[in-house]
Amino acid sequence: MLKRRLMPVLYLKDGWMVRSQGFTLHQFIGEPVAHVERMIQWDVDELIILDIGAEDSVFDHHRTDYRYPPVMTMLDFIERTSIQCNIPLTFGGRIRSTADIGLRIRNGADKVTVNTMLYIDPNGVEAATREFGSQAIVASIDYRMVDEVPLVFYERGKHQAGIDAVAAARRAEALGAGEILLNNMDRDGMAGGYDIKTVHSVAAAVAVPVIACGGAGTNQHFLEVLQGTEASAAAAGNIFHFKENAYPQAKRFLRSQLDDIR
């Protein structure tokens, strides 16, 4: 029996760690290396790091008044993080080509998430799965409810893909993606719980693992999505930033309730 996972998601913008809400509000909360170090200390199952900066944004993390040496570029950050970590690392954001994927993998990423590329260059996604293996490609599917339909958006939520979340997941699986990161944009940062109905529908529609994301505000929310769906993992961002030992506490709670938690 495959063990299910609990996964923190860290959001980067302009070289700084941010708290995300609704895909539009981004509160700067600190130096990224420090946050990664905390995740390592917590011995998290896996770590997802997403660069949500605009296409023309600069990795402007050049301050020297921290106890950590500054990282100057995203690739520098990936390399340093991969050296520090002994856990699987997934990186995403601003990826437009197979070359972009290769750069991140060669600098230490175990997996790379693709989002916009699924719609502007599906052939490139397929080529990447052949070159690097399906296990290295995670399809990131962002959606919001429109007339009770989970419609997919890309390019940081700016463009509608014209398909719903189930169709997008099946399409990503057909392209060779080895995993789905399913994120409800409406629930991002709202701490009101996961979209159980859509997570269930997507997980039932594909054979690859589905990571549920968007809405976690309590440990009970993690339990609800893992009990109520076939999701392989529950992911969250904000809940792990503002509470001491938040991840270890959540993990202990889930292990007390479920038999299949890693």
Protein backbone atom coordinates (compact mmCIF):
# COMPACT_ATOMS: atom_id res chain seq x y z
CA MET A 1 0.00 0.00 0.00
CA LEU A 2 1.38 3.37 -1.04
CA LYS A 3 1.62 5.80 1.83
CA ARG A 4 -0.10 9.14 1.42
CA ARG A 5 1.79 12.37 2.00
CA LEU A 6 1.51 15.75 3.68
CA MET A 7 3.36 18.39 1.65
CA PRO A 8 4.20 22.05 2.36
CA VAL A 9 4.09 24.49 -0.54
CA LEU A 10 6.38 27.53 -0.40
CA TYR A 11 5.64 30.52 -2.63
CA LEU A 12 8.43 32.78 -3.86
CA LYS A 13 8.01 36.23 -5.33
CA ASP A 14 10.92 38.44 -6.35
CA GLY A 15 13.28 36.30 -4.27
CA TRP A 16 11.25 36.42 -1.04
CA MET A 17 8.90 33.98 0.62
CA VAL A 18 5.28 35.15 0.50
CA ARG A 19 1.90 34.23 1.88
CA SER A 20 -0.62 33.85 -0.93
CA GLN A 21 -4.34 34.57 -0.86
CA GLY A 22 -6.69 34.26 -3.79
CA PHE A 23 -3.83 34.37 -6.30
CA THR A 24 -3.83 38.18 -5.96
CA LEU A 25 -2.65 39.14 -2.46
CA HIS A 26 0.94 38.30 -1.57
CA GLN A 27 2.29 39.20 1.85
CA PHE A 28 6.07 39.06 2.15
CA ILE A 29 6.92 36.89 5.16
CA GLY A 30 10.66 36.39 5.06
CA GLU A 31 13.91 35.09 3.75
CA PRO A 32 13.45 31.89 1.70
CA VAL A 33 16.43 29.89 2.91
CA ALA A 34 15.23 30.21 6.50
CA HIS A 35 11.82 28.80 5.60
CA VAL A 36 13.38 25.90 3.75
CA GLU A 37 15.61 25.20 6.74
CA ARG A 38 12.55 24.96 8.97
CA MET A 39 10.98 22.43 6.59
CA ILE A 40 14.15 20.35 6.70
CA GLN A 41 14.09 20.41 10.49
CA TRP A 42 10.48 19.25 10.40
CA ASP A 43 11.46 16.32 8.14
CA VAL A 44 8.61 16.97 5.71
CA ASP A 45 7.60 14.25 3.26
CA GLU A 46 8.27 16.41 0.20
CA LEU A 47 8.64 20.11 -0.51
CA ILE A 48 7.05 22.10 -3.32
CA ILE A 49 8.50 25.55 -4.11
CA LEU A 50 6.69 27.74 -6.63
CA ASP A 51 8.02 30.98 -8.10
CA ILE A 52 4.89 33.09 -8.62
CA GLY A 53 6.65 36.25 -9.78
CA ALA A 54 5.75 37.91 -13.07
CA GLU A 55 7.64 37.03 -16.23
CA ASP A 56 9.81 40.15 -15.98
CA SER A 57 10.36 39.98 -12.21
CA VAL A 58 13.88 39.79 -10.82
CA PHE A 59 15.10 37.44 -8.11
CA ASP A 60 16.00 40.46 -6.02
CA HIS A 61 17.26 38.79 -2.86
CA HIS A 62 20.51 40.63 -2.34
CA ARG A 63 20.30 41.59 1.33
CA THR A 64 23.29 40.71 3.47
CA ASP A 65 21.95 41.46 6.94
CA TYR A 66 20.62 37.92 7.41
CA ARG A 67 22.57 35.05 8.89
CA TYR A 68 22.22 33.22 5.55
CA PRO A 69 24.40 34.11 2.56
CA PRO A 70 22.17 35.77 -0.05
CA VAL A 71 20.96 33.82 -3.05
CA MET A 72 21.14 35.81 -6.26
CA THR A 73 19.06 33.79 -8.75
CA MET A 74 16.35 31.14 -8.75
CA LEU A 75 18.83 28.53 -9.98
CA ASP A 76 21.18 29.47 -7.14
CA PHE A 77 18.31 28.99 -4.71
CA ILE A 78 17.40 25.60 -6.21
CA GLU A 79 20.99 24.43 -6.02
CA ARG A 80 21.45 25.53 -2.41
CA THR A 81 18.14 24.00 -1.35
CA SER A 82 18.89 20.69 -3.02
CA ILE A 83 22.27 20.48 -1.26
CA GLN A 84 20.67 21.11 2.12
CA CYS A 85 17.73 18.75 1.68
CA ASN A 86 17.47 14.99 1.77
CA ILE A 87 13.79 15.12 0.77
CA PRO A 88 12.21 15.21 -2.70
CA LEU A 89 12.10 18.74 -4.07
CA THR A 90 9.60 20.01 -6.61
CA PHE A 91 10.14 23.42 -8.23
CA GLY A 92 7.81 25.35 -10.48
CA GLY A 93 7.03 28.76 -11.90
CA ARG A 94 7.95 30.63 -15.09
CA ILE A 95 8.62 27.42 -17.01
CA ARG A 96 8.00 27.69 -20.72
CA SER A 97 10.20 25.06 -22.37
CA THR A 98 11.92 21.72 -22.03
CA ALA A 99 15.14 23.68 -21.59
CA ASP A 100 13.66 25.44 -18.54
CA ILE A 101 12.78 22.06 -17.07
CA GLY A 102 16.25 20.71 -17.72
CA LEU A 103 17.90 23.70 -16.05
CA ARG A 104 15.98 23.12 -12.83
CA ILE A 105 16.62 19.39 -12.79
CA ARG A 106 20.33 19.83 -13.47
CA ASN A 107 20.51 22.34 -10.61
CA GLY A 108 18.97 19.92 -8.14
CA ALA A 109 15.19 19.69 -8.56
CA ASP A 110 13.80 16.16 -8.32
CA LYS A 111 10.54 17.22 -9.98
CA VAL A 112 9.34 20.24 -11.93
CA THR A 113 5.78 21.54 -12.08
CA VAL A 114 4.42 22.77 -15.40
CA ASN A 115 1.32 24.91 -15.66
CA THR A 116 1.17 27.39 -18.55
CA MET A 117 3.31 25.07 -20.65
CA LEU A 118 0.51 22.48 -20.58
CA TYR A 119 -1.53 24.80 -22.82
CA ILE A 120 1.01 26.76 -24.85
CA ASP A 121 3.41 23.88 -25.58
CA PRO A 122 1.88 20.47 -24.84
CA ASN A 123 4.34 18.81 -27.22
CA GLY A 124 7.16 20.21 -25.09
CA VAL A 125 5.61 18.68 -21.98
CA GLU A 126 5.39 15.34 -23.71
CA ALA A 127 9.01 15.63 -24.83
CA ALA A 128 10.06 16.46 -21.27
CA THR A 129 8.37 13.36 -19.89
CA ARG A 130 10.32 11.26 -22.39
CA GLU A 131 13.62 12.99 -21.64
CA PHE A 132 13.41 13.21 -17.86
CA GLY A 133 10.81 10.58 -17.02
CA SER A 134 7.17 10.94 -16.04
CA GLN A 135 8.10 10.92 -12.37
CA ALA A 136 9.92 14.24 -12.85
CA ILE A 137 6.97 16.14 -14.37
CA VAL A 138 4.11 17.38 -12.19
CA ALA A 139 1.13 18.95 -13.95
CA SER A 140 -0.03 21.97 -11.96
CA ILE A 141 -3.74 22.57 -12.57
CA ASP A 142 -5.21 25.81 -11.19
CA TYR A 143 -8.98 26.19 -11.31
CA ARG A 144 -11.81 28.31 -9.97
CA MET A 145 -15.55 27.63 -9.86
CA VAL A 146 -17.50 29.31 -12.67
CA ASP A 147 -21.24 28.52 -12.64
CA GLU A 148 -20.43 25.49 -10.46
CA VAL A 149 -17.91 24.17 -12.99
CA PRO A 150 -14.21 23.88 -12.01
CA LEU A 151 -12.74 25.78 -14.96
CA VAL A 152 -8.97 25.78 -15.44
CA PHE A 153 -6.86 28.93 -15.68
CA TYR A 154 -3.17 29.39 -16.44
CA GLU A 155 -0.48 32.09 -16.50
CA ARG A 156 -0.99 32.88 -12.79
CA GLY A 157 -4.75 32.74 -13.26
CA LYS A 158 -4.93 35.32 -16.07
CA HIS A 159 -6.13 33.09 -18.94
CA GLN A 160 -8.88 30.51 -19.12
CA ALA A 161 -7.86 27.20 -20.66
CA GLY A 162 -11.34 26.36 -21.93
CA ILE A 163 -11.57 23.00 -20.11
CA ASP A 164 -12.55 21.83 -16.65
CA ALA A 165 -10.25 20.31 -14.04
CA VAL A 166 -11.12 16.69 -14.85
CA ALA A 167 -10.45 17.15 -18.57
CA ALA A 168 -7.21 19.01 -17.82
CA ALA A 169 -6.00 16.23 -15.52
CA ARG A 170 -6.77 13.54 -18.12
CA ARG A 171 -4.98 15.59 -20.77
CA ALA A 172 -1.92 16.05 -18.54
CA GLU A 173 -1.84 12.32 -17.83
CA ALA A 174 -2.02 11.59 -21.56
CA LEU A 175 0.97 13.90 -22.12
CA GLY A 176 2.93 11.77 -19.67
CA ALA A 177 2.85 13.81 -16.47
CA GLY A 178 3.46 11.55 -13.50
CA GLU A 179 1.55 13.57 -10.92
CA ILE A 180 -1.17 16.24 -10.67
CA LEU A 181 -0.99 19.26 -8.36
CA LEU A 182 -4.63 20.39 -8.16
CA ASN A 183 -5.10 23.89 -6.77
CA ASN A 184 -8.41 25.65 -6.12
CA MET A 185 -7.75 29.34 -6.75
CA ASP A 186 -10.88 30.51 -4.90
CA ARG A 187 -9.74 28.76 -1.71
CA ASP A 188 -6.10 29.82 -1.88
CA GLY A 189 -5.19 31.26 1.51
CA MET A 190 -8.79 31.26 2.75
CA ALA A 191 -8.36 28.45 5.32
CA GLY A 192 -11.92 27.21 4.77
CA GLY A 193 -11.14 23.65 3.73
CA TYR A 194 -10.47 21.80 0.48
CA ASP A 195 -12.86 21.46 -2.46
CA ILE A 196 -13.63 17.83 -1.70
CA LYS A 197 -16.01 17.34 -4.63
CA THR A 198 -13.53 18.41 -7.32
CA VAL A 199 -10.57 16.65 -5.71
CA HIS A 200 -12.64 13.45 -5.62
CA SER A 201 -13.67 13.82 -9.28
CA VAL A 202 -10.14 14.44 -10.51
CA ALA A 203 -8.53 11.70 -8.42
CA ALA A 204 -11.14 9.22 -9.67
CA ALA A 205 -10.54 10.22 -13.30
CA VAL A 206 -6.79 9.58 -13.53
CA ALA A 207 -4.40 6.82 -12.54
CA VAL A 208 -1.53 9.13 -11.53
CA PRO A 209 -1.24 10.57 -8.00
CA VAL A 210 -3.21 13.72 -7.26
CA ILE A 211 -2.00 16.33 -4.73
CA ALA A 212 -4.86 18.41 -3.32
CA CYS A 213 -4.04 22.05 -2.63
CA GLY A 214 -5.94 25.19 -1.67
CA GLY A 215 -7.95 25.81 1.48
CA ALA A 216 -6.24 24.07 4.39
CA GLY A 217 -6.72 25.95 7.64
CA THR A 218 -6.85 23.19 10.26
CA ASN A 219 -5.57 19.66 10.70
CA GLN A 220 -9.16 18.49 10.30
CA HIS A 221 -9.13 19.81 6.73
CA PHE A 222 -6.20 17.52 5.89
CA LEU A 223 -8.11 14.58 7.32
CA GLU A 224 -11.29 15.45 5.41
CA VAL A 225 -9.61 15.56 2.01
CA LEU A 226 -7.67 12.33 2.60
CA GLN A 227 -10.71 10.51 3.98
CA GLY A 228 -13.14 11.89 1.42
CA THR A 229 -11.10 11.43 -1.76
CA GLU A 230 -8.47 9.22 -3.38
CA ALA A 231 -5.92 12.05 -3.32
CA SER A 232 -2.39 10.77 -2.80
CA ALA A 233 -1.32 13.86 -0.86
CA ALA A 234 -2.61 16.96 0.88
CA ALA A 235 -0.59 20.12 0.27
CA ALA A 236 -0.77 23.52 1.96
CA GLY A 237 1.13 26.74 2.31
CA ASN A 238 -0.01 29.32 4.85
CA ILE A 239 -0.94 26.95 7.67
CA PHE A 240 2.70 25.90 8.03
CA HIS A 241 4.10 29.44 8.29
CA PHE A 242 2.49 30.88 11.39
CA LYS A 243 2.38 28.14 14.00
CA GLU A 244 5.27 26.56 15.87
CA ASN A 245 5.74 22.91 14.89
CA ALA A 246 2.67 23.11 12.64
CA TYR A 247 3.81 20.33 10.30
CA PRO A 248 4.85 17.79 12.98
CA GLN A 249 1.59 18.38 14.82
CA ALA A 250 -0.44 17.85 11.66
CA LYS A 251 1.49 14.69 10.85
CA ARG A 252 0.92 13.23 14.33
CA PHE A 253 -2.79 14.01 14.06
CA LEU A 254 -3.13 12.30 10.68
CA ARG A 255 -1.23 9.24 11.84
CA SER A 256 -3.60 8.93 14.78
CA GLN A 257 -6.56 8.90 12.38
CA LEU A 258 -5.33 7.10 9.25
CA ASP A 259 -3.28 3.98 8.62
CA ASP A 260 -1.83 4.98 5.26
CA ILE A 261 0.07 8.17 6.14
CA ARG A 262 3.79 8.22 5.43
